[in-house]
Amino acid sequence: MKNNLSSGGLVYSTDAGRMCPACRQPVAQCVCRQAAVPAGDGVARVSRETKGRGGKAVTLVKGLALDAAALTLLGKQLKASCGTGGTVKDGVIEIQGEHIERVMAALKAQGHTVKRAGG
């Protein structure tokens, strides 16, 4: 038996344009795709990882209870302060290279509680 969402529904309206099939709201006002703020204890955990990266080190920042836009902005600021590249994936900020101390200092300067995770 199919549910209502998979059997179709309004996809486009001449009044509002593209419609979200899940909440049936215009895409600009869609609330179902906005990810909720991840539940965290408010402590940013900074660690170093090389697994699955060809031996290259990456600095990871986990545990920040920020929404996607704020996390992306913070990732951009951290990349600029370290002078390297990086990305934000699944609520984790990845900074290329070994920059644990620099990232911890930048997060503390912004008022976050920071702990070093791992070795």
PDB file of N, CA and C in Angstrom:
ATOM      1  N   MET A   1       0.832  -1.178   0.000  1.00  0.00           N
ATOM      2  CA  MET A   1       0.000   0.000   0.000  1.00  0.00           C
ATOM      3  C   MET A   1       0.882   1.249   0.000  1.00  0.00           C
ATOM      4  N   LYS A   2       0.631   2.157  -0.898  1.00  0.00           N
ATOM      5  CA  LYS A   2       1.420   3.385  -0.996  1.00  0.00           C
ATOM      6  C   LYS A   2       0.876   4.439  -0.042  1.00  0.00           C
ATOM      7  N   ASN A   3       1.803   5.250   0.480  1.00  0.00           N
ATOM      8  CA  ASN A   3       1.342   6.373   1.295  1.00  0.00           C
ATOM      9  C   ASN A   3       1.070   7.563   0.382  1.00  0.00           C
ATOM     10  N   ASN A   4       0.516   8.602   0.916  1.00  0.00           N
ATOM     11  CA  ASN A   4       0.130   9.770   0.117  1.00  0.00           C
ATOM     12  C   ASN A   4       1.330  10.477  -0.497  1.00  0.00           C
ATOM     13  N   LEU A   5       2.485  10.469   0.187  1.00  0.00           N
ATOM     14  CA  LEU A   5       3.640  11.194  -0.321  1.00  0.00           C
ATOM     15  C   LEU A   5       4.242  10.519  -1.553  1.00  0.00           C
ATOM     16  N   SER A   6       4.239   9.201  -1.592  1.00  0.00           N
ATOM     17  CA  SER A   6       4.853   8.515  -2.724  1.00  0.00           C
ATOM     18  C   SER A   6       3.893   8.370  -3.893  1.00  0.00           C
ATOM     19  N   SER A   7       2.602   8.570  -3.680  1.00  0.00           N
ATOM     20  CA  SER A   7       1.655   8.406  -4.775  1.00  0.00           C
ATOM     21  C   SER A   7       1.476   9.681  -5.583  1.00  0.00           C
ATOM     22  N   GLY A   8       2.190  10.701  -5.246  1.00  0.00           N
ATOM     23  CA  GLY A   8       2.107  11.930  -6.012  1.00  0.00           C
ATOM     24  C   GLY A   8       1.637  13.073  -5.143  1.00  0.00           C
ATOM     25  N   GLY A   9       1.154  14.070  -5.771  1.00  0.00           N
ATOM     26  CA  GLY A   9       0.704  15.250  -5.055  1.00  0.00           C
ATOM     27  C   GLY A   9       1.070  16.475  -5.861  1.00  0.00           C
ATOM     28  N   LEU A  10       0.758  17.601  -5.333  1.00  0.00           N
ATOM     29  CA  LEU A  10       1.018  18.851  -6.001  1.00  0.00           C
ATOM     30  C   LEU A  10       2.521  19.113  -6.044  1.00  0.00           C
ATOM     31  N   VAL A  11       3.064  19.288  -7.246  1.00  0.00           N
ATOM     32  CA  VAL A  11       4.484  19.530  -7.418  1.00  0.00           C
ATOM     33  C   VAL A  11       4.739  20.964  -7.857  1.00  0.00           C
ATOM     34  N   TYR A  12       3.822  21.536  -8.584  1.00  0.00           N
ATOM     35  CA  TYR A  12       4.000  22.897  -9.079  1.00  0.00           C
ATOM     36  C   TYR A  12       2.659  23.609  -9.032  1.00  0.00           C
ATOM     37  N   SER A  13       2.691  24.853  -8.612  1.00  0.00           N
ATOM     38  CA  SER A  13       1.501  25.683  -8.590  1.00  0.00           C
ATOM     39  C   SER A  13       1.807  26.959  -9.356  1.00  0.00           C
ATOM     40  N   THR A  14       0.845  27.414 -10.153  1.00  0.00           N
ATOM     41  CA  THR A  14       1.078  28.649 -10.898  1.00  0.00           C
ATOM     42  C   THR A  14       1.126  29.854  -9.974  1.00  0.00           C
ATOM     43  N   ASP A  15       0.562  29.739  -8.794  1.00  0.00           N
ATOM     44  CA  ASP A  15       0.593  30.844  -7.831  1.00  0.00           C
ATOM     45  C   ASP A  15       1.930  30.909  -7.105  1.00  0.00           C
ATOM     46  N   ALA A  16       2.421  29.775  -6.617  1.00  0.00           N
ATOM     47  CA  ALA A  16       3.598  29.777  -5.741  1.00  0.00           C
ATOM     48  C   ALA A  16       4.835  29.141  -6.362  1.00  0.00           C
ATOM     49  N   GLY A  17       4.717  28.539  -7.507  1.00  0.00           N
ATOM     50  CA  GLY A  17       5.883  27.877  -8.123  1.00  0.00           C
ATOM     51  C   GLY A  17       6.039  26.445  -7.621  1.00  0.00           C
ATOM     52  N   ARG A  18       7.294  25.997  -7.441  1.00  0.00           N
ATOM     53  CA  ARG A  18       7.551  24.622  -7.021  1.00  0.00           C
ATOM     54  C   ARG A  18       7.056  24.389  -5.604  1.00  0.00           C
ATOM     55  N   MET A  19       6.471  23.232  -5.380  1.00  0.00           N
ATOM     56  CA  MET A  19       5.903  22.882  -4.089  1.00  0.00           C
ATOM     57  C   MET A  19       6.668  21.686  -3.507  1.00  0.00           C
ATOM     58  N   CYS A  20       6.832  21.675  -2.209  1.00  0.00           N
ATOM     59  CA  CYS A  20       7.466  20.547  -1.529  1.00  0.00           C
ATOM     60  C   CYS A  20       6.449  19.412  -1.449  1.00  0.00           C
ATOM     61  N   PRO A  21       6.800  18.207  -1.910  1.00  0.00           N
ATOM     62  CA  PRO A  21       5.833  17.107  -1.871  1.00  0.00           C
ATOM     63  C   PRO A  21       5.550  16.604  -0.452  1.00  0.00           C
ATOM     64  N   ALA A  22       6.442  16.852   0.480  1.00  0.00           N
ATOM     65  CA  ALA A  22       6.244  16.340   1.837  1.00  0.00           C
ATOM     66  C   ALA A  22       5.290  17.215   2.643  1.00  0.00           C
ATOM     67  N   CYS A  23       5.546  18.532   2.675  1.00  0.00           N
ATOM     68  CA  CYS A  23       4.710  19.408   3.507  1.00  0.00           C
ATOM     69  C   CYS A  23       3.709  20.210   2.682  1.00  0.00           C
ATOM     70  N   ARG A  24       3.764  20.089   1.369  1.00  0.00           N
ATOM     71  CA  ARG A  24       2.854  20.753   0.441  1.00  0.00           C
ATOM     72  C   ARG A  24       2.855  22.275   0.591  1.00  0.00           C
ATOM     73  N   GLN A  25       4.034  22.818   0.924  1.00  0.00           N
ATOM     74  CA  GLN A  25       4.237  24.257   1.015  1.00  0.00           C
ATOM     75  C   GLN A  25       5.133  24.674  -0.146  1.00  0.00           C
ATOM     76  N   PRO A  26       5.120  25.952  -0.519  1.00  0.00           N
ATOM     77  CA  PRO A  26       6.092  26.404  -1.522  1.00  0.00           C
ATOM     78  C   PRO A  26       7.510  26.111  -1.041  1.00  0.00           C
ATOM     79  N   VAL A  27       8.411  25.802  -1.959  1.00  0.00           N
ATOM     80  CA  VAL A  27       9.775  25.404  -1.604  1.00  0.00           C
ATOM     81  C   VAL A  27      10.457  26.469  -0.753  1.00  0.00           C
ATOM     82  N   ALA A  28      10.189  27.739  -1.006  1.00  0.00           N
ATOM     83  CA  ALA A  28      10.814  28.807  -0.231  1.00  0.00           C
ATOM     84  C   ALA A  28      10.352  28.804   1.225  1.00  0.00           C
ATOM     85  N   GLN A  29       9.167  28.263   1.499  1.00  0.00           N
ATOM     86  CA  GLN A  29       8.628  28.249   2.859  1.00  0.00           C
ATOM     87  C   GLN A  29       8.590  26.849   3.446  1.00  0.00           C
ATOM     88  N   CYS A  30       9.259  25.908   2.815  1.00  0.00           N
ATOM     89  CA  CYS A  30       9.270  24.516   3.251  1.00  0.00           C
ATOM     90  C   CYS A  30       9.954  24.395   4.621  1.00  0.00           C
ATOM     91  N   VAL A  31       9.306  23.704   5.536  1.00  0.00           N
ATOM     92  CA  VAL A  31       9.867  23.519   6.872  1.00  0.00           C
ATOM     93  C   VAL A  31      10.368  22.098   7.087  1.00  0.00           C
ATOM     94  N   CYS A  32      10.009  21.186   6.238  1.00  0.00           N
ATOM     95  CA  CYS A  32      10.397  19.787   6.458  1.00  0.00           C
ATOM     96  C   CYS A  32      11.859  19.523   6.104  1.00  0.00           C
ATOM     97  N   ARG A  33      12.448  20.304   5.223  1.00  0.00           N
ATOM     98  CA  ARG A  33      13.839  20.082   4.825  1.00  0.00           C
ATOM     99  C   ARG A  33      14.834  20.768   5.738  1.00  0.00           C
ATOM    100  N   GLN A  34      14.371  21.671   6.579  1.00  0.00           N
ATOM    101  CA  GLN A  34      15.281  22.338   7.499  1.00  0.00           C
ATOM    102  C   GLN A  34      15.666  21.358   8.586  1.00  0.00           C
ATOM    103  N   ALA A  35      16.940  21.063   8.663  1.00  0.00           N
ATOM    104  CA  ALA A  35      17.419  20.123   9.665  1.00  0.00           C
ATOM    105  C   ALA A  35      17.361  20.775  11.039  1.00  0.00           C
ATOM    106  N   ALA A  36      16.960  19.991  11.984  1.00  0.00           N
ATOM    107  CA  ALA A  36      16.914  20.486  13.351  1.00  0.00           C
ATOM    108  C   ALA A  36      18.334  20.668  13.874  1.00  0.00           C
ATOM    109  N   VAL A  37      18.483  21.544  14.848  1.00  0.00           N
ATOM    110  CA  VAL A  37      19.789  21.754  15.453  1.00  0.00           C
ATOM    111  C   VAL A  37      20.180  20.460  16.156  1.00  0.00           C
ATOM    112  N   PRO A  38      21.372  19.929  15.867  1.00  0.00           N
ATOM    113  CA  PRO A  38      21.761  18.669  16.485  1.00  0.00           C
ATOM    114  C   PRO A  38      21.870  18.819  18.001  1.00  0.00           C
ATOM    115  N   ALA A  39      21.403  17.787  18.679  1.00  0.00           N
ATOM    116  CA  ALA A  39      21.479  17.809  20.137  1.00  0.00           C
ATOM    117  C   ALA A  39      22.917  17.523  20.551  1.00  0.00           C
ATOM    118  N   GLY A  40      23.472  18.411  21.307  1.00  0.00           N
ATOM    119  CA  GLY A  40      24.837  18.238  21.772  1.00  0.00           C
ATOM    120  C   GLY A  40      24.950  18.776  23.179  1.00  0.00           C
ATOM    121  N   ASP A  41      26.069  18.518  23.807  1.00  0.00           N
ATOM    122  CA  ASP A  41      26.256  19.003  25.165  1.00  0.00           C
ATOM    123  C   ASP A  41      26.905  20.383  25.182  1.00  0.00           C
ATOM    124  N   GLY A  42      27.131  20.973  24.011  1.00  0.00           N
ATOM    125  CA  GLY A  42      27.697  22.307  23.940  1.00  0.00           C
ATOM    126  C   GLY A  42      29.208  22.343  24.008  1.00  0.00           C
ATOM    127  N   VAL A  43      29.841  21.185  24.009  1.00  0.00           N
ATOM    128  CA  VAL A  43      31.302  21.121  24.077  1.00  0.00           C
ATOM    129  C   VAL A  43      31.831  20.755  22.696  1.00  0.00           C
ATOM    130  N   ALA A  44      32.679  21.609  22.152  1.00  0.00           N
ATOM    131  CA  ALA A  44      33.304  21.333  20.860  1.00  0.00           C
ATOM    132  C   ALA A  44      34.478  20.396  21.095  1.00  0.00           C
ATOM    133  N   ARG A  45      34.486  19.279  20.414  1.00  0.00           N
ATOM    134  CA  ARG A  45      35.566  18.311  20.546  1.00  0.00           C
ATOM    135  C   ARG A  45      36.438  18.364  19.292  1.00  0.00           C
ATOM    136  N   VAL A  46      37.704  18.685  19.493  1.00  0.00           N
ATOM    137  CA  VAL A  46      38.644  18.844  18.384  1.00  0.00           C
ATOM    138  C   VAL A  46      39.569  17.634  18.383  1.00  0.00           C
ATOM    139  N   SER A  47      39.666  16.976  17.236  1.00  0.00           N
ATOM    140  CA  SER A  47      40.525  15.793  17.134  1.00  0.00           C
ATOM    141  C   SER A  47      41.243  15.773  15.794  1.00  0.00           C
ATOM    142  N   ARG A  48      42.189  14.849  15.668  1.00  0.00           N
ATOM    143  CA  ARG A  48      42.965  14.669  14.446  1.00  0.00           C
ATOM    144  C   ARG A  48      42.690  13.267  13.931  1.00  0.00           C
ATOM    145  N   GLU A  49      42.524  13.151  12.623  1.00  0.00           N
ATOM    146  CA  GLU A  49      42.218  11.856  12.036  1.00  0.00           C
ATOM    147  C   GLU A  49      42.981  11.689  10.728  1.00  0.00           C
ATOM    148  N   THR A  50      43.452  10.462  10.476  1.00  0.00           N
ATOM    149  CA  THR A  50      44.100  10.152   9.204  1.00  0.00           C
ATOM    150  C   THR A  50      43.428   8.972   8.512  1.00  0.00           C
ATOM    151  N   LYS A  51      42.537   8.308   9.188  1.00  0.00           N
ATOM    152  CA  LYS A  51      41.910   7.096   8.666  1.00  0.00           C
ATOM    153  C   LYS A  51      41.135   7.369   7.373  1.00  0.00           C
ATOM    154  N   GLY A  52      41.428   6.617   6.335  1.00  0.00           N
ATOM    155  CA  GLY A  52      40.712   6.732   5.076  1.00  0.00           C
ATOM    156  C   GLY A  52      41.076   7.952   4.257  1.00  0.00           C
ATOM    157  N   ARG A  53      42.201   8.581   4.566  1.00  0.00           N
ATOM    158  CA  ARG A  53      42.583   9.807   3.864  1.00  0.00           C
ATOM    159  C   ARG A  53      43.979   9.696   3.258  1.00  0.00           C
ATOM    160  N   GLY A  54      44.437   8.503   3.042  1.00  0.00           N
ATOM    161  CA  GLY A  54      45.740   8.311   2.420  1.00  0.00           C
ATOM    162  C   GLY A  54      46.899   8.783   3.289  1.00  0.00           C
ATOM    163  N   GLY A  55      46.728   8.732   4.611  1.00  0.00           N
ATOM    164  CA  GLY A  55      47.790   9.140   5.521  1.00  0.00           C
ATOM    165  C   GLY A  55      47.845  10.628   5.799  1.00  0.00           C
ATOM    166  N   LYS A  56      46.997  11.399   5.144  1.00  0.00           N
ATOM    167  CA  LYS A  56      46.995  12.848   5.367  1.00  0.00           C
ATOM    168  C   LYS A  56      46.148  13.172   6.604  1.00  0.00           C
ATOM    169  N   ALA A  57      46.638  14.084   7.420  1.00  0.00           N
ATOM    170  CA  ALA A  57      45.944  14.445   8.651  1.00  0.00           C
ATOM    171  C   ALA A  57      44.846  15.466   8.380  1.00  0.00           C
ATOM    172  N   VAL A  58      43.744  15.333   9.121  1.00  0.00           N
ATOM    173  CA  VAL A  58      42.627  16.254   9.052  1.00  0.00           C
ATOM    174  C   VAL A  58      42.219  16.576  10.482  1.00  0.00           C
ATOM    175  N   THR A  59      41.963  17.837  10.768  1.00  0.00           N
ATOM    176  CA  THR A  59      41.481  18.255  12.081  1.00  0.00           C
ATOM    177  C   THR A  59      39.958  18.281  12.038  1.00  0.00           C
ATOM    178  N   LEU A  60      39.315  17.593  12.985  1.00  0.00           N
ATOM    179  CA  LEU A  60      37.864  17.496  13.036  1.00  0.00           C
ATOM    180  C   LEU A  60      37.327  18.267  14.226  1.00  0.00           C
ATOM    181  N   VAL A  61      36.207  18.950  14.027  1.00  0.00           N
ATOM    182  CA  VAL A  61      35.505  19.647  15.107  1.00  0.00           C
ATOM    183  C   VAL A  61      34.105  19.061  15.163  1.00  0.00           C
ATOM    184  N   LYS A  62      33.779  18.409  16.287  1.00  0.00           N
ATOM    185  CA  LYS A  62      32.473  17.768  16.464  1.00  0.00           C
ATOM    186  C   LYS A  62      31.802  18.314  17.708  1.00  0.00           C
ATOM    187  N   GLY A  63      30.491  18.102  17.795  1.00  0.00           N
ATOM    188  CA  GLY A  63      29.758  18.392  19.012  1.00  0.00           C
ATOM    189  C   GLY A  63      29.230  19.800  19.146  1.00  0.00           C
ATOM    190  N   LEU A  64      29.329  20.615  18.118  1.00  0.00           N
ATOM    191  CA  LEU A  64      28.788  21.972  18.199  1.00  0.00           C
ATOM    192  C   LEU A  64      27.292  21.937  17.912  1.00  0.00           C
ATOM    193  N   ALA A  65      26.502  22.524  18.775  1.00  0.00           N
ATOM    194  CA  ALA A  65      25.054  22.554  18.599  1.00  0.00           C
ATOM    195  C   ALA A  65      24.666  23.801  17.806  1.00  0.00           C
ATOM    196  N   LEU A  66      25.036  23.812  16.526  1.00  0.00           N
ATOM    197  CA  LEU A  66      24.732  24.930  15.637  1.00  0.00           C
ATOM    198  C   LEU A  66      23.926  24.419  14.455  1.00  0.00           C
ATOM    199  N   ASP A  67      23.124  25.284  13.863  1.00  0.00           N
ATOM    200  CA  ASP A  67      22.404  24.887  12.663  1.00  0.00           C
ATOM    201  C   ASP A  67      23.367  24.860  11.475  1.00  0.00           C
ATOM    202  N   ALA A  68      22.894  24.380  10.345  1.00  0.00           N
ATOM    203  CA  ALA A  68      23.766  24.162   9.190  1.00  0.00           C
ATOM    204  C   ALA A  68      24.423  25.453   8.698  1.00  0.00           C
ATOM    205  N   ALA A  69      23.677  26.546   8.667  1.00  0.00           N
ATOM    206  CA  ALA A  69      24.228  27.801   8.164  1.00  0.00           C
ATOM    207  C   ALA A  69      25.318  28.336   9.093  1.00  0.00           C
ATOM    208  N   ALA A  70      25.080  28.280  10.401  1.00  0.00           N
ATOM    209  CA  ALA A  70      26.070  28.765  11.368  1.00  0.00           C
ATOM    210  C   ALA A  70      27.306  27.880  11.362  1.00  0.00           C
ATOM    211  N   LEU A  71      27.104  26.579  11.189  1.00  0.00           N
ATOM    212  CA  LEU A  71      28.230  25.648  11.146  1.00  0.00           C
ATOM    213  C   LEU A  71      29.083  25.896   9.902  1.00  0.00           C
ATOM    214  N   THR A  72      28.446  26.176   8.776  1.00  0.00           N
ATOM    215  CA  THR A  72      29.175  26.487   7.550  1.00  0.00           C
ATOM    216  C   THR A  72      29.974  27.775   7.698  1.00  0.00           C
ATOM    217  N   LEU A  73      29.383  28.777   8.324  1.00  0.00           N
ATOM    218  CA  LEU A  73      30.074  30.042   8.549  1.00  0.00           C
ATOM    219  C   LEU A  73      31.268  29.854   9.485  1.00  0.00           C
ATOM    220  N   LEU A  74      31.088  29.083  10.558  1.00  0.00           N
ATOM    221  CA  LEU A  74      32.182  28.815  11.485  1.00  0.00           C
ATOM    222  C   LEU A  74      33.294  28.035  10.782  1.00  0.00           C
ATOM    223  N   GLY A  75      32.927  27.075   9.945  1.00  0.00           N
ATOM    224  CA  GLY A  75      33.918  26.321   9.182  1.00  0.00           C
ATOM    225  C   GLY A  75      34.726  27.228   8.269  1.00  0.00           C
ATOM    226  N   LYS A  76      34.060  28.184   7.648  1.00  0.00           N
ATOM    227  CA  LYS A  76      34.750  29.129   6.775  1.00  0.00           C
ATOM    228  C   LYS A  76      35.738  29.983   7.567  1.00  0.00           C
ATOM    229  N   GLN A  77      35.327  30.421   8.763  1.00  0.00           N
ATOM    230  CA  GLN A  77      36.210  31.224   9.610  1.00  0.00           C
ATOM    231  C   GLN A  77      37.424  30.414  10.071  1.00  0.00           C
ATOM    232  N   LEU A  78      37.193  29.157  10.440  1.00  0.00           N
ATOM    233  CA  LEU A  78      38.303  28.312  10.896  1.00  0.00           C
ATOM    234  C   LEU A  78      39.281  28.017   9.762  1.00  0.00           C
ATOM    235  N   LYS A  79      38.758  27.779   8.565  1.00  0.00           N
ATOM    236  CA  LYS A  79      39.634  27.540   7.420  1.00  0.00           C
ATOM    237  C   LYS A  79      40.488  28.767   7.136  1.00  0.00           C
ATOM    238  N   ALA A  80      39.890  29.956   7.237  1.00  0.00           N
ATOM    239  CA  ALA A  80      40.636  31.185   6.984  1.00  0.00           C
ATOM    240  C   ALA A  80      41.706  31.406   8.047  1.00  0.00           C
ATOM    241  N   SER A  81      41.382  31.101   9.311  1.00  0.00           N
ATOM    242  CA  SER A  81      42.366  31.316  10.369  1.00  0.00           C
ATOM    243  C   SER A  81      43.522  30.329  10.274  1.00  0.00           C
ATOM    244  N   CYS A  82      43.280  29.152   9.714  1.00  0.00           N
ATOM    245  CA  CYS A  82      44.347  28.160   9.552  1.00  0.00           C
ATOM    246  C   CYS A  82      45.051  28.298   8.203  1.00  0.00           C
ATOM    247  N   GLY A  83      44.445  28.992   7.275  1.00  0.00           N
ATOM    248  CA  GLY A  83      45.045  29.159   5.955  1.00  0.00           C
ATOM    249  C   GLY A  83      45.018  27.897   5.125  1.00  0.00           C
ATOM    250  N   THR A  84      43.999  27.059   5.346  1.00  0.00           N
ATOM    251  CA  THR A  84      43.890  25.802   4.594  1.00  0.00           C
ATOM    252  C   THR A  84      42.464  25.626   4.105  1.00  0.00           C
ATOM    253  N   GLY A  85      42.250  24.531   3.442  1.00  0.00           N
ATOM    254  CA  GLY A  85      40.924  24.180   2.964  1.00  0.00           C
ATOM    255  C   GLY A  85      40.220  23.298   3.968  1.00  0.00           C
ATOM    256  N   GLY A  86      39.032  22.908   3.619  1.00  0.00           N
ATOM    257  CA  GLY A  86      38.256  22.032   4.477  1.00  0.00           C
ATOM    258  C   GLY A  86      36.818  21.990   4.016  1.00  0.00           C
ATOM    259  N   THR A  87      35.968  21.356   4.836  1.00  0.00           N
ATOM    260  CA  THR A  87      34.563  21.215   4.491  1.00  0.00           C
ATOM    261  C   THR A  87      33.739  21.022   5.750  1.00  0.00           C
ATOM    262  N   VAL A  88      32.422  21.064   5.570  1.00  0.00           N
ATOM    263  CA  VAL A  88      31.497  20.749   6.650  1.00  0.00           C
ATOM    264  C   VAL A  88      30.622  19.615   6.154  1.00  0.00           C
ATOM    265  N   LYS A  89      30.694  18.466   6.824  1.00  0.00           N
ATOM    266  CA  LYS A  89      29.908  17.295   6.434  1.00  0.00           C
ATOM    267  C   LYS A  89      29.213  16.725   7.658  1.00  0.00           C
ATOM    268  N   ASP A  90      27.915  16.519   7.571  1.00  0.00           N
ATOM    269  CA  ASP A  90      27.135  15.848   8.614  1.00  0.00           C
ATOM    270  C   ASP A  90      27.373  16.432   9.998  1.00  0.00           C
ATOM    271  N   GLY A  91      27.438  17.746  10.106  1.00  0.00           N
ATOM    272  CA  GLY A  91      27.611  18.390  11.388  1.00  0.00           C
ATOM    273  C   GLY A  91      29.031  18.364  11.926  1.00  0.00           C
ATOM    274  N   VAL A  92      29.997  17.968  11.092  1.00  0.00           N
ATOM    275  CA  VAL A  92      31.405  17.901  11.490  1.00  0.00           C
ATOM    276  C   VAL A  92      32.208  18.835  10.591  1.00  0.00           C
ATOM    277  N   ILE A  93      33.009  19.690  11.206  1.00  0.00           N
ATOM    278  CA  ILE A  93      33.880  20.575  10.440  1.00  0.00           C
ATOM    279  C   ILE A  93      35.211  19.867  10.236  1.00  0.00           C
ATOM    280  N   GLU A  94      35.644  19.754   8.991  1.00  0.00           N
ATOM    281  CA  GLU A  94      36.927  19.126   8.661  1.00  0.00           C
ATOM    282  C   GLU A  94      37.869  20.203   8.133  1.00  0.00           C
ATOM    283  N   ILE A  95      39.029  20.340   8.783  1.00  0.00           N
ATOM    284  CA  ILE A  95      40.052  21.290   8.365  1.00  0.00           C
ATOM    285  C   ILE A  95      41.255  20.491   7.898  1.00  0.00           C
ATOM    286  N   GLN A  96      41.736  20.752   6.692  1.00  0.00           N
ATOM    287  CA  GLN A  96      42.871  20.002   6.157  1.00  0.00           C
ATOM    288  C   GLN A  96      44.143  20.327   6.936  1.00  0.00           C
ATOM    289  N   GLY A  97      44.857  19.290   7.331  1.00  0.00           N
ATOM    290  CA  GLY A  97      46.114  19.466   8.037  1.00  0.00           C
ATOM    291  C   GLY A  97      45.956  19.335   9.543  1.00  0.00           C
ATOM    292  N   GLU A  98      47.085  19.428  10.229  1.00  0.00           N
ATOM    293  CA  GLU A  98      47.125  19.299  11.682  1.00  0.00           C
ATOM    294  C   GLU A  98      47.116  20.689  12.305  1.00  0.00           C
ATOM    295  N   HIS A  99      45.935  21.163  12.685  1.00  0.00           N
ATOM    296  CA  HIS A  99      45.785  22.518  13.217  1.00  0.00           C
ATOM    297  C   HIS A  99      44.990  22.501  14.516  1.00  0.00           C
ATOM    298  N   ILE A 100      45.209  21.508  15.358  1.00  0.00           N
ATOM    299  CA  ILE A 100      44.401  21.351  16.562  1.00  0.00           C
ATOM    300  C   ILE A 100      44.512  22.558  17.477  1.00  0.00           C
ATOM    301  N   GLU A 101      45.740  22.973  17.773  1.00  0.00           N
ATOM    302  CA  GLU A 101      45.932  24.089  18.707  1.00  0.00           C
ATOM    303  C   GLU A 101      45.349  25.387  18.155  1.00  0.00           C
ATOM    304  N   ARG A 102      45.545  25.637  16.879  1.00  0.00           N
ATOM    305  CA  ARG A 102      45.038  26.867  16.260  1.00  0.00           C
ATOM    306  C   ARG A 102      43.506  26.882  16.242  1.00  0.00           C
ATOM    307  N   VAL A 103      42.896  25.732  15.952  1.00  0.00           N
ATOM    308  CA  VAL A 103      41.437  25.634  15.917  1.00  0.00           C
ATOM    309  C   VAL A 103      40.868  25.796  17.330  1.00  0.00           C
ATOM    310  N   MET A 104      41.521  25.165  18.316  1.00  0.00           N
ATOM    311  CA  MET A 104      41.048  25.292  19.693  1.00  0.00           C
ATOM    312  C   MET A 104      41.115  26.744  20.162  1.00  0.00           C
ATOM    313  N   ALA A 105      42.191  27.444  19.825  1.00  0.00           N
ATOM    314  CA  ALA A 105      42.331  28.845  20.210  1.00  0.00           C
ATOM    315  C   ALA A 105      41.257  29.708  19.545  1.00  0.00           C
ATOM    316  N   ALA A 106      40.970  29.441  18.275  1.00  0.00           N
ATOM    317  CA  ALA A 106      39.959  30.223  17.563  1.00  0.00           C
ATOM    318  C   ALA A 106      38.559  29.980  18.146  1.00  0.00           C
ATOM    319  N   LEU A 107      38.268  28.736  18.509  1.00  0.00           N
ATOM    320  CA  LEU A 107      36.962  28.428  19.084  1.00  0.00           C
ATOM    321  C   LEU A 107      36.811  29.045  20.477  1.00  0.00           C
ATOM    322  N   LYS A 108      37.879  28.994  21.272  1.00  0.00           N
ATOM    323  CA  LYS A 108      37.832  29.610  22.604  1.00  0.00           C
ATOM    324  C   LYS A 108      37.637  31.117  22.499  1.00  0.00           C
ATOM    325  N   ALA A 109      38.272  31.744  21.501  1.00  0.00           N
ATOM    326  CA  ALA A 109      38.143  33.183  21.301  1.00  0.00           C
ATOM    327  C   ALA A 109      36.702  33.568  20.950  1.00  0.00           C
ATOM    328  N   GLN A 110      35.962  32.641  20.341  1.00  0.00           N
ATOM    329  CA  GLN A 110      34.573  32.909  19.995  1.00  0.00           C
ATOM    330  C   GLN A 110      33.614  32.522  21.116  1.00  0.00           C
ATOM    331  N   GLY A 111      34.154  32.033  22.232  1.00  0.00           N
ATOM    332  CA  GLY A 111      33.322  31.740  23.386  1.00  0.00           C
ATOM    333  C   GLY A 111      32.807  30.318  23.491  1.00  0.00           C
ATOM    334  N   HIS A 112      33.319  29.403  22.685  1.00  0.00           N
ATOM    335  CA  HIS A 112      32.895  28.012  22.751  1.00  0.00           C
ATOM    336  C   HIS A 112      33.694  27.273  23.827  1.00  0.00           C
ATOM    337  N   THR A 113      33.089  26.262  24.440  1.00  0.00           N
ATOM    338  CA  THR A 113      33.790  25.378  25.349  1.00  0.00           C
ATOM    339  C   THR A 113      34.463  24.316  24.493  1.00  0.00           C
ATOM    340  N   VAL A 114      35.769  24.131  24.649  1.00  0.00           N
ATOM    341  CA  VAL A 114      36.537  23.274  23.757  1.00  0.00           C
ATOM    342  C   VAL A 114      37.259  22.202  24.545  1.00  0.00           C
ATOM    343  N   LYS A 115      37.246  20.977  24.027  1.00  0.00           N
ATOM    344  CA  LYS A 115      38.029  19.877  24.592  1.00  0.00           C
ATOM    345  C   LYS A 115      38.796  19.214  23.459  1.00  0.00           C
ATOM    346  N   ARG A 116      39.968  18.736  23.776  1.00  0.00           N
ATOM    347  CA  ARG A 116      40.749  17.970  22.806  1.00  0.00           C
ATOM    348  C   ARG A 116      40.317  16.513  22.928  1.00  0.00           C
ATOM    349  N   ALA A 117      39.924  15.932  21.814  1.00  0.00           N
ATOM    350  CA  ALA A 117      39.480  14.534  21.798  1.00  0.00           C
ATOM    351  C   ALA A 117      40.567  13.688  21.158  1.00  0.00           C
ATOM    352  N   GLY A 118      40.614  12.436  21.492  1.00  0.00           N
ATOM    353  CA  GLY A 118      41.630  11.548  20.917  1.00  0.00           C
ATOM    354  C   GLY A 118      42.946  11.706  21.625  1.00  0.00           C
ATOM    355  N   GLY A 119      44.034  11.309  20.961  1.00  0.00           N
ATOM    356  CA  GLY A 119      45.349  11.281  21.564  1.00  0.00           C
ATOM    357  C   GLY A 119      46.042  12.518  21.656  1.00  0.00           C
TER     358      GLY A 119
END
